[in-house]
Amino acid sequence: MDVVSKEANKLSAKRIALQNSFKEYNETNGFSYKDWVSPPAGHFYEGYKNELDQINSQMAPPLEYQS
């Protein structure tokens, strides 16, 4: 397995673990649309969104257009 595949597997595993923590949080605390849209500082949703954005940007970096 090459380095790129190993990194992709690590990121996929990290993303799945993050999604499982999201599911567990909502099962325990219920889902709040208000907190999801505008999470208070330090809220679980804020950390979840930030970490998910980091993982997604590593898995699929933004396209750069050349002219």
Protein backbone atom coordinates (compact mmCIF):
# COMPACT_ATOMS: atom_id res chain seq x y z
CA MET A 1 0.00 0.00 0.00
CA ASP A 2 1.45 3.36 -0.95
CA VAL A 3 1.73 6.40 1.29
CA VAL A 4 -1.25 8.17 -0.27
CA SER A 5 -3.51 5.16 0.34
CA LYS A 6 -2.35 4.86 3.95
CA GLU A 7 -3.06 8.55 4.56
CA ALA A 8 -6.48 8.27 2.90
CA ASN A 9 -7.28 5.26 5.10
CA LYS A 10 -6.24 7.18 8.24
CA LEU A 11 -8.41 10.14 7.26
CA SER A 12 -11.36 7.87 6.47
CA ALA A 13 -11.03 6.14 9.85
CA LYS A 14 -10.79 9.52 11.59
CA ARG A 15 -13.89 10.74 9.76
CA ILE A 16 -15.87 7.63 10.69
CA ALA A 17 -14.86 8.01 14.35
CA LEU A 18 -15.92 11.66 14.23
CA GLN A 19 -19.28 10.74 12.71
CA ASN A 20 -19.79 8.11 15.41
CA SER A 21 -19.10 10.70 18.11
CA PHE A 22 -21.66 13.00 16.44
CA LYS A 23 -24.23 10.20 16.49
CA GLU A 24 -23.52 9.39 20.14
CA TYR A 25 -23.69 13.06 21.15
CA ASN A 26 -27.09 13.49 19.49
CA GLU A 27 -28.44 10.26 20.94
CA THR A 28 -27.47 11.44 24.43
CA ASN A 29 -28.28 15.15 24.18
CA GLY A 30 -30.74 15.40 21.31
CA PHE A 31 -30.21 17.46 18.18
CA SER A 32 -30.53 21.23 18.40
CA TYR A 33 -30.91 22.94 15.04
CA LYS A 34 -30.26 26.30 16.70
CA ASP A 35 -26.92 25.11 18.10
CA TRP A 36 -26.06 23.40 14.81
CA VAL A 37 -26.56 26.57 12.78
CA SER A 38 -24.87 28.88 15.28
CA PRO A 39 -23.00 26.87 17.91
CA PRO A 40 -21.92 28.66 21.08
CA ALA A 41 -18.17 28.95 21.62
CA GLY A 42 -16.71 25.65 22.77
CA HIS A 43 -19.86 23.67 21.89
CA PHE A 44 -19.56 20.11 20.56
CA TYR A 45 -21.01 21.15 17.18
CA GLU A 46 -18.39 23.86 16.74
CA GLY A 47 -15.55 21.39 17.29
CA TYR A 48 -17.24 18.76 15.14
CA LYS A 49 -17.66 21.15 12.20
CA ASN A 50 -14.08 22.41 12.45
CA GLU A 51 -12.59 18.93 12.59
CA LEU A 52 -14.80 17.68 9.77
CA ASP A 53 -13.77 20.65 7.60
CA GLN A 54 -10.10 19.87 8.24
CA ILE A 55 -10.54 16.22 7.29
CA ASN A 56 -12.56 17.08 4.19
CA SER A 57 -10.02 19.64 2.99
CA GLN A 58 -7.23 17.04 3.32
CA MET A 59 -9.25 14.36 1.55
CA ALA A 60 -10.34 16.64 -1.29
CA PRO A 61 -8.29 19.83 -1.46
CA PRO A 62 -9.94 22.81 -3.20
CA LEU A 63 -9.43 23.01 -6.93
CA GLU A 64 -6.97 25.57 -8.19
CA TYR A 65 -7.68 26.91 -11.63
CA GLN A 66 -4.88 27.86 -13.97
CA SER A 67 -5.33 30.44 -16.66
